[in-house]
Amino acid sequence: MKILCYLMLIFILNIKLLCQNNPFNVLHMSHKSAINTPPINWHFLDPKKDNYPGISLNRAYNLLKKTKRKPQKVIVAIIDSGVDTAHTDLIGVLWKNKKEIPYNLNDDDKNGYIDDIYGWNFLGNSNGENIKDEAYEYARIYGRWKDYFKNTTPETISSEEKALYNIYKKAKEKFELEYLALYQEKFYLTMLKEKLNYLHNLLKSSINKDSLTEEDVSYIKENIDSLKFDAYIYQSLLKEIDTIEINERINEINTKFKTELNYKENLRKIINDNPYDIRDSLYGNNNVKGPTSSHGTFVAGIIAGDRTNNNEAMGIADCVEIMCVRILGGGDERDKDVALGIKYAVKNGAKIINMSFGKYFSPEKHMVDEAIKYASKHNVLIIHAAGNDALNNDINQHYPIPFDENYKLLTDLWIEVGASSYYLKYPIAPFSNYGKNTVDIFAPGEEIFGLSPDNKFESNSGTSAAAPIVTGIAALLMGYFPELTPKEIKEIILKSAYKIKQKKPPYNYRPLTLMRTFSPALDLTLSEACQTGGIVNAYNAVKLAIKYAKKKKK
């Protein structure tokens, strides 16, 4: 019985660690390939010439040189987690608010935001404090409404509250599932840790030593009959687990309970605003880097990182000014911040907005809808990441979305982007969300080399990397072909998508074969996974833009 209990603990631990490493239980940039990594900047390569399903960027620039066009600057807003404005690869491409006198503590342009030199941080206060961690949206919904709906059933709910109740019910189910899974994992890990400590002390005291070596355990197994079994179990457990990893994982879970799954506390309280009132809009500070700038810096570098220096982390477009809008820390973004971030970007001249974030609950969706319509009215193109959960967005809405509650289109200036892999024959990244009706196009999103805060560099993956690749191409077209409208830019990008003849992937075509089990996307072709059935291609887009421009001259 005793050994059965220990073996069960080992089995449970292995399952839990497997789930912990599930590449789809993440937000945006997450999955790292174990082996067979592609060359740096594979996403710039050409499918035909280089045998990698990249965007043919070098061919695109060669074609642009032949046109002898001089690009105009395009302001691109990065609505994200913050951007390191001191990164040497970004300093030369930052948007600067010319109407604001730097750091004079005055609102010179009278827009309500003091010293918004490079953009604005909606996750801070005037004292310089900034939000680092937030809860997931489903945890916030659960915490907000659990007492209100405590004794409510579908039969007793009023017709006016039915929609709200349904949202609460779904959020409650999601929260309880996630909370229980982590609670059980922590329980088993703690139990295992205690058993290890107990056996360690038991065996150590039996030989009167202050420490315990492998030789000591082997000696006990061979010579002390009453402890042979305990020594065997102890030795077996040590082969399966690492106590340091157990402690680290327990700390991670405790942190999640205090932040992402914290439904009790208002983690936003330092801002002192009402997150449910869009009229309460004058909050934040000008620290656009904040404490969580890794994600946004990576996104900014993909779009417009310095192309003239000697490092390899080059951006796509050479004609961009990056506007920084911080609305995302840990956990999920707030709808109100998203809405105000979009409006800030539009009012300050952004022509393209990149949004590499998303969630599956949007309780104040009407705020974001209004902002999307505002951007559309001002001809601003929005490019959004489809998500990293290997889910079908036709079924699982990944907010924000360009549709209202009745699924009426809010804007046609929107591109939804899935992530493609560096495998030419099997180009869908296993973590990517997809959707024949809701995802427009795929773009390279696996093992993309880019920027990291404090003048560092890294490779990362996710639809958060794929969206800025499309944004970079859109900015390139907009800069070199200013006569084209944003609607025409979108049309060109989608029409020029590169199509790949695909076969169903073999089970073991990837080093991490568990992805094959977890990802339904790997059973799809690109034509089944998105509207265009292809991968964005800069060369094809430039070639088509030249044709569009010639027609406009006639």
Protein backbone atom coordinates (compact mmCIF):
# COMPACT_ATOMS: atom_id res chain seq x y z
CA MET A 1 0.00 0.00 0.00
CA LYS A 2 2.82 2.34 0.91
CA ILE A 3 4.67 1.89 -2.36
CA LEU A 4 1.45 2.28 -4.30
CA CYS A 5 0.88 5.68 -2.69
CA TYR A 6 4.38 6.82 -3.60
CA LEU A 7 4.07 5.59 -7.17
CA MET A 8 0.77 7.42 -7.49
CA LEU A 9 2.47 10.59 -6.32
CA ILE A 10 5.19 10.17 -8.92
CA PHE A 11 2.58 9.58 -11.61
CA ILE A 12 0.57 12.63 -10.59
CA LEU A 13 3.69 14.78 -10.46
CA ASN A 14 4.71 13.77 -13.96
CA ILE A 15 1.24 14.55 -15.28
CA LYS A 16 1.26 17.91 -13.53
CA LEU A 17 4.68 18.82 -14.87
CA LEU A 18 3.54 17.80 -18.33
CA CYS A 19 0.53 20.12 -18.05
CA GLN A 20 2.79 22.85 -16.70
CA ASN A 21 4.84 22.63 -19.89
CA ASN A 22 1.79 22.54 -22.18
CA PRO A 23 2.74 25.17 -24.79
CA PHE A 24 -0.87 26.32 -25.17
CA ASN A 25 -1.43 27.27 -21.52
CA VAL A 26 0.15 30.68 -22.20
CA LEU A 27 -0.78 34.16 -23.27
CA HIS A 28 1.26 35.26 -26.24
CA MET A 29 4.95 34.58 -26.62
CA SER A 30 5.75 31.25 -25.15
CA HIS A 31 6.72 28.15 -27.04
CA LYS A 32 10.41 27.36 -27.56
CA SER A 33 11.38 24.59 -29.97
CA ALA A 34 13.65 22.00 -28.41
CA ILE A 35 15.81 21.18 -31.42
CA ASN A 36 15.91 21.77 -35.18
CA THR A 37 15.74 25.52 -34.69
CA PRO A 38 15.78 27.57 -37.91
CA PRO A 39 18.39 30.15 -38.94
CA ILE A 40 18.18 33.60 -37.34
CA ASN A 41 15.73 35.82 -39.24
CA TRP A 42 14.29 32.87 -41.11
CA HIS A 43 11.10 34.93 -41.35
CA PHE A 44 12.86 37.24 -43.85
CA LEU A 45 13.67 34.35 -46.20
CA ASP A 46 11.95 33.35 -49.42
CA PRO A 47 9.95 30.10 -49.68
CA LYS A 48 11.21 29.24 -53.17
CA LYS A 49 14.83 30.37 -52.94
CA ASP A 50 15.58 29.51 -49.31
CA ASN A 51 13.16 26.66 -48.56
CA TYR A 52 11.74 28.47 -45.52
CA PRO A 53 8.20 29.92 -45.49
CA GLY A 54 9.35 33.47 -44.74
CA ILE A 55 8.02 36.78 -46.04
CA SER A 56 10.62 37.34 -48.82
CA LEU A 57 11.65 40.65 -47.25
CA ASN A 58 15.00 41.03 -48.99
CA ARG A 59 13.35 40.49 -52.37
CA ALA A 60 10.77 43.11 -51.40
CA TYR A 61 13.44 45.71 -50.63
CA ASN A 62 15.28 44.93 -53.86
CA LEU A 63 12.06 45.53 -55.76
CA LEU A 64 11.41 48.79 -53.88
CA LYS A 65 14.88 50.05 -54.83
CA LYS A 66 14.00 49.62 -58.47
CA THR A 67 10.95 51.85 -58.04
CA LYS A 68 13.22 54.66 -56.72
CA ARG A 69 10.48 55.65 -54.31
CA LYS A 70 11.35 57.54 -51.12
CA PRO A 71 9.27 56.40 -48.15
CA GLN A 72 7.24 58.67 -45.92
CA LYS A 73 7.15 58.15 -42.17
CA VAL A 74 4.28 56.06 -40.82
CA ILE A 75 3.25 56.27 -37.16
CA VAL A 76 2.57 52.81 -35.75
CA ALA A 77 1.08 52.51 -32.27
CA ILE A 78 2.19 49.53 -30.18
CA ILE A 79 -0.63 48.96 -27.69
CA ASP A 80 1.04 46.47 -25.42
CA SER A 81 2.90 45.83 -22.15
CA GLY A 82 5.33 48.73 -22.52
CA VAL A 83 8.37 49.45 -24.68
CA ASP A 84 11.98 50.03 -23.62
CA THR A 85 12.53 53.43 -25.23
CA ALA A 86 16.22 53.33 -24.27
CA HIS A 87 16.95 50.24 -26.38
CA THR A 88 19.61 51.20 -28.92
CA ASP A 89 17.68 49.48 -31.71
CA LEU A 90 14.57 51.58 -31.02
CA ILE A 91 15.88 55.03 -30.07
CA GLY A 92 16.00 56.18 -33.69
CA VAL A 93 12.48 55.05 -34.58
CA LEU A 94 10.44 56.38 -31.65
CA TRP A 95 7.51 58.71 -32.22
CA LYS A 96 7.88 61.95 -30.31
CA ASN A 97 4.98 64.20 -29.44
CA LYS A 98 6.10 67.51 -30.95
CA LYS A 99 3.30 69.39 -29.23
CA GLU A 100 4.66 68.47 -25.80
CA ILE A 101 7.68 70.15 -24.18
CA PRO A 102 9.64 67.26 -22.66
CA TYR A 103 9.49 66.78 -18.91
CA ASN A 104 8.28 70.24 -17.92
CA LEU A 105 5.43 68.68 -15.91
CA ASN A 106 2.83 70.52 -17.98
CA ASP A 107 0.16 69.30 -20.36
CA ASP A 108 1.36 71.48 -23.23
CA ASP A 109 -0.89 69.98 -25.90
CA LYS A 110 -3.93 70.07 -23.58
CA ASN A 111 -4.89 66.44 -24.27
CA GLY A 112 -5.12 65.55 -20.58
CA TYR A 113 -1.84 63.63 -20.43
CA ILE A 114 1.18 65.35 -18.92
CA ASP A 115 4.52 64.93 -20.72
CA ASP A 116 3.30 62.18 -23.04
CA ILE A 117 6.53 62.33 -25.03
CA TYR A 118 6.63 58.81 -26.48
CA GLY A 119 3.05 57.82 -25.77
CA TRP A 120 1.13 57.01 -22.61
CA ASN A 121 1.01 54.42 -19.83
CA PHE A 122 -2.55 53.68 -18.69
CA LEU A 123 -1.27 51.37 -15.93
CA GLY A 124 0.22 53.93 -13.58
CA ASN A 125 -0.49 57.00 -11.48
CA SER A 126 0.87 60.53 -11.19
CA ASN A 127 3.18 59.46 -8.34
CA GLY A 128 5.11 57.22 -10.71
CA GLU A 129 3.68 53.94 -9.39
CA ASN A 130 2.91 51.32 -12.03
CA ILE A 131 0.89 48.13 -12.19
CA LYS A 132 2.93 45.00 -12.79
CA ASP A 133 0.38 42.25 -12.11
CA GLU A 134 -3.31 41.91 -12.85
CA ALA A 135 -5.92 39.18 -12.61
CA TYR A 136 -7.37 37.26 -15.52
CA GLU A 137 -10.66 38.67 -16.74
CA TYR A 138 -12.62 35.59 -15.69
CA ALA A 139 -11.27 35.93 -12.14
CA ARG A 140 -12.31 39.60 -12.05
CA ILE A 141 -15.80 38.74 -13.32
CA TYR A 142 -16.12 35.97 -10.75
CA GLY A 143 -15.01 38.21 -7.90
CA ARG A 144 -17.23 41.09 -8.95
CA TRP A 145 -20.47 39.14 -9.31
CA LYS A 146 -20.20 36.04 -7.11
CA ASP A 147 -22.09 37.54 -4.16
CA TYR A 148 -24.69 39.15 -6.42
CA PHE A 149 -25.51 35.85 -8.14
CA LYS A 150 -24.84 33.68 -5.10
CA ASN A 151 -28.36 32.28 -4.72
CA THR A 152 -29.45 32.77 -8.32
CA THR A 153 -30.58 30.06 -10.70
CA PRO A 154 -31.50 30.33 -14.41
CA GLU A 155 -35.15 30.12 -13.37
CA THR A 156 -34.97 33.10 -11.02
CA ILE A 157 -32.88 35.40 -13.18
CA SER A 158 -34.58 38.37 -14.79
CA SER A 159 -34.54 38.75 -18.56
CA GLU A 160 -32.54 41.99 -18.20
CA GLU A 161 -29.77 40.19 -16.31
CA LYS A 162 -29.69 36.99 -18.35
CA ALA A 163 -26.75 38.04 -20.55
CA LEU A 164 -24.72 39.15 -17.53
CA TYR A 165 -25.57 35.95 -15.67
CA ASN A 166 -24.43 33.80 -18.60
CA ILE A 167 -21.09 35.62 -18.71
CA TYR A 168 -20.70 35.19 -14.95
CA LYS A 169 -21.55 31.49 -15.16
CA LYS A 170 -18.91 30.86 -17.84
CA ALA A 171 -16.33 32.89 -15.92
CA LYS A 172 -17.13 31.00 -12.72
CA GLU A 173 -16.68 27.64 -14.45
CA LYS A 174 -13.34 28.74 -15.93
CA PHE A 175 -12.12 30.20 -12.65
CA GLU A 176 -13.06 27.17 -10.55
CA LEU A 177 -11.46 24.79 -13.06
CA GLU A 178 -8.17 26.71 -13.12
CA TYR A 179 -8.14 27.35 -9.38
CA LEU A 180 -8.86 23.72 -8.51
CA ALA A 181 -6.17 22.43 -10.90
CA LEU A 182 -3.52 24.66 -9.34
CA TYR A 183 -4.71 23.94 -5.80
CA GLN A 184 -4.47 20.18 -6.40
CA GLU A 185 -1.05 20.55 -8.01
CA LYS A 186 0.20 22.54 -5.03
CA PHE A 187 -1.30 19.98 -2.62
CA TYR A 188 0.46 17.04 -4.27
CA LEU A 189 3.75 18.89 -4.65
CA THR A 190 3.66 19.94 -1.00
CA MET A 191 2.85 16.40 0.08
CA LEU A 192 5.67 15.03 -2.02
CA LYS A 193 8.09 17.60 -0.63
CA GLU A 194 7.12 16.69 2.95
CA LYS A 195 7.53 12.96 2.27
CA LEU A 196 10.96 13.53 0.81
CA ASN A 197 12.01 15.59 3.82
CA TYR A 198 10.65 12.92 6.17
CA LEU A 199 12.53 10.10 4.42
CA HIS A 200 15.69 12.20 4.17
CA ASN A 201 15.71 12.88 7.90
CA LEU A 202 14.78 9.29 8.73
CA LEU A 203 17.61 7.81 6.69
CA LYS A 204 20.10 10.42 7.82
CA SER A 205 19.41 9.81 11.52
CA SER A 206 19.68 6.04 11.07
CA ILE A 207 23.39 6.39 10.23
CA ASN A 208 24.06 9.38 12.54
CA LYS A 209 25.14 11.75 9.77
CA ASP A 210 24.45 15.42 9.15
CA SER A 211 24.06 14.86 5.40
CA LEU A 212 22.99 12.04 3.12
CA THR A 213 24.83 10.88 -0.01
CA GLU A 214 23.87 8.36 -2.70
CA GLU A 215 26.40 5.97 -1.21
CA ASP A 216 24.71 6.31 2.18
CA VAL A 217 21.33 5.44 0.71
CA SER A 218 22.79 2.42 -1.10
CA TYR A 219 24.43 1.29 2.14
CA ILE A 220 21.10 1.49 4.00
CA LYS A 221 19.35 -0.49 1.25
CA GLU A 222 21.90 -3.27 1.57
CA ASN A 223 22.47 -3.42 5.35
CA ILE A 224 19.52 -2.07 7.38
CA ASP A 225 16.57 -4.38 6.90
CA SER A 226 14.01 -2.15 8.61
CA LEU A 227 14.83 0.78 6.26
CA LYS A 228 15.44 -1.03 2.97
CA PHE A 229 12.01 -0.17 1.67
CA ASP A 230 12.25 3.49 2.73
CA ALA A 231 15.66 3.83 1.13
CA TYR A 232 14.37 2.32 -2.09
CA ILE A 233 11.42 4.73 -2.21
CA TYR A 234 13.64 7.71 -1.40
CA GLN A 235 16.10 6.78 -4.13
CA SER A 236 13.31 6.22 -6.65
CA LEU A 237 11.72 9.57 -5.91
CA LEU A 238 14.99 11.46 -6.25
CA LYS A 239 15.42 10.03 -9.74
CA GLU A 240 12.02 11.39 -10.76
CA ILE A 241 11.97 14.85 -9.21
CA ASP A 242 14.04 17.87 -8.28
CA THR A 243 13.28 19.53 -4.94
CA ILE A 244 14.43 22.89 -6.27
CA GLU A 245 11.94 22.61 -9.15
CA ILE A 246 9.21 21.65 -6.68
CA ASN A 247 9.90 24.75 -4.57
CA GLU A 248 9.98 26.96 -7.66
CA ARG A 249 6.69 25.55 -8.92
CA ILE A 250 5.01 26.00 -5.52
CA ASN A 251 6.18 29.62 -5.49
CA GLU A 252 4.81 30.09 -9.02
CA ILE A 253 1.43 28.75 -7.96
CA ASN A 254 1.35 30.97 -4.87
CA THR A 255 2.12 33.96 -7.09
CA LYS A 256 -0.72 33.02 -9.44
CA PHE A 257 -3.13 32.89 -6.50
CA LYS A 258 -2.01 36.41 -5.51
CA THR A 259 -2.17 37.86 -9.02
CA GLU A 260 -3.74 36.15 -12.03
CA LEU A 261 -6.35 34.22 -10.00
CA ASN A 262 -6.83 36.88 -7.32
CA TYR A 263 -10.57 37.53 -7.34
CA LYS A 264 -10.66 39.20 -3.92
CA GLU A 265 -8.37 42.21 -4.23
CA ASN A 266 -8.40 45.16 -6.60
CA LEU A 267 -4.90 44.93 -8.06
CA ARG A 268 -5.62 48.17 -9.92
CA LYS A 269 -6.19 50.27 -6.80
CA ILE A 270 -3.06 52.41 -7.25
CA ILE A 271 -4.68 54.05 -10.30
CA ASN A 272 -7.75 55.06 -8.28
CA ASP A 273 -10.05 55.12 -11.31
CA ASN A 274 -13.34 53.44 -12.03
CA PRO A 275 -12.50 50.72 -14.59
CA TYR A 276 -16.19 50.44 -15.51
CA ASP A 277 -16.61 54.13 -16.42
CA ILE A 278 -15.08 55.18 -19.75
CA ARG A 279 -15.60 58.84 -18.86
CA ASP A 280 -13.01 58.47 -16.10
CA SER A 281 -10.19 58.65 -18.63
CA LEU A 282 -7.48 60.98 -17.29
CA TYR A 283 -5.21 58.61 -15.42
CA GLY A 284 -1.80 57.01 -15.93
CA ASN A 285 1.67 58.47 -16.48
CA ASN A 286 4.30 58.89 -19.18
CA ASN A 287 6.43 55.87 -18.17
CA VAL A 288 5.74 53.85 -21.31
CA LYS A 289 8.32 51.23 -20.35
CA GLY A 290 6.84 50.31 -16.99
CA PRO A 291 7.86 47.12 -15.16
CA THR A 292 6.69 44.70 -17.89
CA SER A 293 8.22 45.90 -21.16
CA SER A 294 9.59 42.60 -22.48
CA HIS A 295 6.58 41.74 -24.64
CA GLY A 296 6.08 45.22 -26.11
CA THR A 297 9.79 45.71 -26.78
CA PHE A 298 9.88 42.45 -28.71
CA VAL A 299 6.84 43.48 -30.76
CA ALA A 300 8.29 46.94 -31.50
CA GLY A 301 11.59 45.43 -32.64
CA ILE A 302 9.91 43.09 -35.11
CA ILE A 303 8.16 46.03 -36.74
CA ALA A 304 10.87 48.68 -36.76
CA GLY A 305 14.10 47.62 -35.06
CA ASP A 306 17.19 49.37 -36.47
CA ARG A 307 18.08 47.92 -39.88
CA THR A 308 21.38 49.79 -40.22
CA ASN A 309 23.50 48.50 -37.33
CA ASN A 310 25.50 45.29 -37.08
CA ASN A 311 23.20 43.10 -34.97
CA GLU A 312 20.76 40.66 -36.53
CA ALA A 313 17.58 41.77 -34.78
CA MET A 314 16.34 43.88 -37.68
CA GLY A 315 12.84 45.21 -38.01
CA ILE A 316 10.76 44.90 -41.16
CA ALA A 317 9.94 48.51 -42.04
CA ASP A 318 12.49 51.31 -42.44
CA CYS A 319 9.87 54.08 -42.42
CA VAL A 320 8.18 53.73 -39.02
CA GLU A 321 7.79 55.88 -35.94
CA ILE A 322 6.81 53.77 -32.94
CA MET A 323 4.17 55.21 -30.59
CA CYS A 324 4.12 53.43 -27.22
CA VAL A 325 0.83 52.81 -25.41
CA ARG A 326 1.00 50.63 -22.28
CA ILE A 327 -2.21 48.84 -21.27
CA LEU A 328 -1.00 45.33 -20.44
CA GLY A 329 0.77 43.96 -17.36
CA GLY A 330 0.38 40.45 -16.03
CA GLY A 331 -3.00 38.73 -16.31
CA ASP A 332 -5.53 40.22 -18.73
CA GLU A 333 -5.88 43.72 -20.11
CA ARG A 334 -8.87 45.86 -19.08
CA ASP A 335 -11.40 46.73 -21.77
CA LYS A 336 -11.38 50.36 -20.70
CA ASP A 337 -7.60 50.64 -21.12
CA VAL A 338 -7.80 49.02 -24.55
CA ALA A 339 -10.50 51.48 -25.63
CA LEU A 340 -8.64 54.53 -24.33
CA GLY A 341 -5.37 53.24 -25.80
CA ILE A 342 -6.93 52.96 -29.26
CA LYS A 343 -8.42 56.45 -29.04
CA TYR A 344 -5.13 57.92 -27.78
CA ALA A 345 -3.28 56.37 -30.72
CA VAL A 346 -5.78 57.64 -33.28
CA LYS A 347 -5.92 61.16 -31.84
CA ASN A 348 -2.15 61.43 -31.93
CA GLY A 349 -1.73 60.43 -35.54
CA ALA A 350 -1.20 56.66 -35.61
CA LYS A 351 -2.00 55.15 -39.02
CA ILE A 352 -1.60 51.52 -37.91
CA ILE A 353 -2.25 49.97 -34.50
CA ASN A 354 -0.65 46.67 -33.48
CA MET A 355 -2.48 44.73 -30.74
CA SER A 356 -0.66 41.55 -29.75
CA PHE A 357 -2.91 40.58 -26.85
CA GLY A 358 -6.28 38.99 -26.25
CA LYS A 359 -8.63 37.19 -23.88
CA TYR A 360 -11.83 35.14 -23.95
CA PHE A 361 -14.00 37.37 -21.74
CA SER A 362 -14.80 41.01 -22.49
CA PRO A 363 -17.39 42.37 -20.01
CA GLU A 364 -17.02 46.00 -21.14
CA LYS A 365 -16.89 45.09 -24.81
CA HIS A 366 -19.04 48.11 -25.73
CA MET A 367 -16.15 50.40 -24.74
CA VAL A 368 -13.75 48.64 -27.12
CA ASP A 369 -16.36 48.49 -29.87
CA GLU A 370 -16.78 52.25 -29.73
CA ALA A 371 -13.02 52.75 -29.94
CA ILE A 372 -12.73 50.37 -32.91
CA LYS A 373 -15.42 52.35 -34.76
CA TYR A 374 -13.58 55.55 -33.88
CA ALA A 375 -10.37 54.16 -35.40
CA SER A 376 -12.24 53.01 -38.50
CA LYS A 377 -13.81 56.45 -38.95
CA HIS A 378 -10.30 57.92 -39.00
CA ASN A 379 -8.94 55.32 -41.48
CA VAL A 380 -6.64 53.59 -39.00
CA LEU A 381 -5.71 49.97 -39.72
CA ILE A 382 -5.75 47.61 -36.71
CA ILE A 383 -3.74 44.38 -36.73
CA HIS A 384 -4.49 41.84 -34.00
CA ALA A 385 -2.94 38.56 -32.83
CA ALA A 386 -5.27 35.55 -33.02
CA GLY A 387 -4.07 33.89 -29.79
CA ASN A 388 -1.88 30.99 -28.68
CA ASP A 389 -4.27 28.36 -27.37
CA ALA A 390 -4.66 26.19 -30.50
CA LEU A 391 -8.37 27.07 -30.51
CA ASN A 392 -10.83 27.75 -33.29
CA ASN A 393 -11.71 31.46 -33.09
CA ASP A 394 -14.85 30.80 -35.10
CA ILE A 395 -16.14 29.09 -31.96
CA ASN A 396 -14.11 30.71 -29.19
CA GLN A 397 -14.16 34.48 -29.48
CA HIS A 398 -10.70 35.90 -28.80
CA TYR A 399 -11.27 39.53 -27.84
CA PRO A 400 -11.04 42.21 -29.00
CA ILE A 401 -12.96 41.34 -32.15
CA PRO A 402 -14.16 43.57 -35.02
CA PHE A 403 -17.82 42.59 -34.52
CA ASP A 404 -20.56 43.91 -32.26
CA GLU A 405 -22.85 41.83 -30.04
CA ASN A 406 -25.00 40.94 -33.07
CA TYR A 407 -21.90 39.97 -35.06
CA LYS A 408 -22.21 43.02 -37.27
CA LEU A 409 -18.87 44.21 -38.66
CA LEU A 410 -17.52 47.22 -36.78
CA THR A 411 -14.71 47.93 -39.23
CA ASP A 412 -13.19 46.52 -42.39
CA LEU A 413 -9.81 47.97 -41.38
CA TRP A 414 -8.84 44.97 -39.28
CA ILE A 415 -6.47 42.05 -39.90
CA GLU A 416 -6.52 38.99 -37.63
CA VAL A 417 -3.24 37.07 -37.72
CA GLY A 418 -2.39 33.46 -36.93
CA ALA A 419 1.16 32.14 -36.47
CA SER A 420 2.98 30.01 -39.02
CA SER A 421 5.96 27.74 -38.46
CA TYR A 422 9.35 27.45 -40.14
CA TYR A 423 8.43 24.01 -41.52
CA LEU A 424 7.73 24.68 -45.20
CA LYS A 425 5.52 21.65 -45.80
CA TYR A 426 3.65 21.93 -42.48
CA PRO A 427 3.47 25.67 -41.91
CA ILE A 428 0.89 26.05 -39.10
CA ALA A 429 2.48 26.66 -35.70
CA PRO A 430 1.01 24.14 -33.24
CA PHE A 431 0.09 26.75 -30.62
CA SER A 432 -1.71 29.12 -32.99
CA ASN A 433 -5.42 29.85 -32.88
CA TYR A 434 -7.12 29.60 -36.25
CA GLY A 435 -10.49 30.18 -37.87
CA LYS A 436 -11.73 29.91 -41.44
CA ASN A 437 -14.07 32.87 -40.90
CA THR A 438 -12.29 34.92 -38.23
CA VAL A 439 -8.54 34.65 -38.95
CA ASP A 440 -7.50 36.51 -42.08
CA ILE A 441 -3.94 35.37 -42.69
CA PHE A 442 -0.97 33.61 -41.13
CA ALA A 443 2.51 35.05 -40.59
CA PRO A 444 5.79 33.68 -39.22
CA GLY A 445 5.45 33.34 -35.47
CA GLU A 446 7.81 30.62 -34.32
CA GLU A 447 11.40 31.20 -33.18
CA ILE A 448 11.47 34.85 -34.23
CA PHE A 449 14.66 36.68 -33.27
CA GLY A 450 14.11 40.12 -31.77
CA LEU A 451 14.69 42.66 -29.04
CA SER A 452 14.58 42.33 -25.28
CA PRO A 453 14.74 45.19 -22.72
CA ASP A 454 18.07 46.63 -21.59
CA ASN A 455 19.73 46.25 -25.01
CA LYS A 456 19.34 42.49 -25.07
CA PHE A 457 18.04 40.09 -27.72
CA GLU A 458 16.06 36.85 -27.74
CA SER A 459 14.12 34.40 -29.86
CA ASN A 460 10.47 33.92 -29.04
CA SER A 461 7.25 32.54 -30.46
CA GLY A 462 3.57 33.32 -30.57
CA THR A 463 0.89 35.08 -32.58
CA SER A 464 2.23 38.14 -30.78
CA ALA A 465 5.23 37.82 -33.09
CA ALA A 466 3.12 37.07 -36.17
CA ALA A 467 0.90 40.16 -35.88
CA PRO A 468 3.79 42.69 -35.89
CA ILE A 469 5.23 40.98 -38.96
CA VAL A 470 2.00 41.85 -40.78
CA THR A 471 2.10 45.31 -39.19
CA GLY A 472 5.64 45.81 -40.46
CA ILE A 473 4.62 44.90 -44.01
CA ALA A 474 1.56 47.16 -43.81
CA ALA A 475 3.77 50.04 -42.65
CA LEU A 476 6.26 49.33 -45.43
CA LEU A 477 3.50 49.54 -48.03
CA MET A 478 1.97 52.62 -46.46
CA GLY A 479 5.33 54.39 -46.33
CA TYR A 480 6.41 53.61 -49.90
CA PHE A 481 2.94 53.91 -51.44
CA PRO A 482 1.30 56.81 -49.58
CA GLU A 483 -1.26 57.20 -52.35
CA LEU A 484 -2.86 53.90 -51.34
CA THR A 485 -5.62 53.90 -48.74
CA PRO A 486 -5.49 51.71 -45.59
CA LYS A 487 -8.32 49.64 -47.08
CA GLU A 488 -6.23 49.05 -50.22
CA ILE A 489 -3.20 48.17 -48.07
CA LYS A 490 -5.23 45.50 -46.30
CA GLU A 491 -6.59 44.21 -49.61
CA ILE A 492 -3.08 43.94 -51.04
CA ILE A 493 -1.75 42.07 -48.00
CA LEU A 494 -4.55 39.52 -48.14
CA LYS A 495 -4.58 39.10 -51.92
CA SER A 496 -0.80 38.58 -52.06
CA ALA A 497 -0.65 35.83 -49.44
CA TYR A 498 1.73 33.01 -50.33
CA LYS A 499 -0.03 29.66 -50.79
CA ILE A 500 1.67 26.40 -49.88
CA LYS A 501 0.75 22.94 -51.12
CA GLN A 502 0.28 20.97 -47.93
CA LYS A 503 -0.04 17.42 -46.79
CA LYS A 504 -1.26 16.23 -43.42
CA PRO A 505 1.77 16.20 -41.10
CA PRO A 506 3.14 12.82 -39.98
CA TYR A 507 2.81 12.16 -36.27
CA ASN A 508 6.51 12.59 -35.47
CA TYR A 509 7.47 15.43 -37.80
CA ARG A 510 8.28 17.62 -34.79
CA PRO A 511 10.77 16.97 -31.97
CA LEU A 512 8.02 17.64 -29.41
CA THR A 513 5.54 15.01 -30.50
CA LEU A 514 3.08 15.88 -27.72
CA MET A 515 2.18 18.96 -29.75
CA ARG A 516 0.61 16.61 -32.28
CA THR A 517 -1.79 15.44 -29.59
CA PHE A 518 -2.61 18.87 -28.19
CA SER A 519 -3.05 20.88 -31.39
CA PRO A 520 -6.01 20.37 -33.73
CA ALA A 521 -4.46 23.06 -35.96
CA LEU A 522 -1.87 20.55 -37.12
CA ASP A 523 -4.60 18.53 -38.80
CA LEU A 524 -5.61 21.54 -40.90
CA THR A 525 -4.31 23.10 -44.08
CA LEU A 526 -3.92 26.87 -44.27
CA SER A 527 -6.99 27.05 -46.51
CA GLU A 528 -8.96 25.49 -43.66
CA ALA A 529 -7.33 27.64 -40.96
CA CYS A 530 -7.85 31.16 -42.33
CA GLN A 531 -9.70 33.18 -44.96
CA THR A 532 -6.81 33.72 -47.37
CA GLY A 533 -5.37 30.22 -47.00
CA GLY A 534 -1.86 31.65 -47.05
CA ILE A 535 1.10 33.31 -45.35
CA VAL A 536 1.83 37.02 -45.62
CA ASN A 537 4.54 37.83 -48.16
CA ALA A 538 6.25 41.21 -48.45
CA TYR A 539 7.59 40.68 -51.98
CA ASN A 540 4.20 39.66 -53.35
CA ALA A 541 2.61 42.59 -51.53
CA VAL A 542 5.06 45.15 -52.95
CA LYS A 543 4.63 43.72 -56.45
CA LEU A 544 0.86 44.06 -56.13
CA ALA A 545 1.13 47.54 -54.59
CA ILE A 546 3.07 48.70 -57.65
CA LYS A 547 0.16 47.58 -59.82
CA TYR A 548 -2.36 49.35 -57.58
CA ALA A 549 -0.28 52.55 -57.69
CA LYS A 550 -0.03 52.46 -61.51
CA LYS A 551 -3.80 52.13 -61.80
CA LYS A 552 -4.26 55.18 -59.59
CA LYS A 553 -2.09 57.28 -61.92
CA LYS A 554 -4.31 56.56 -64.90
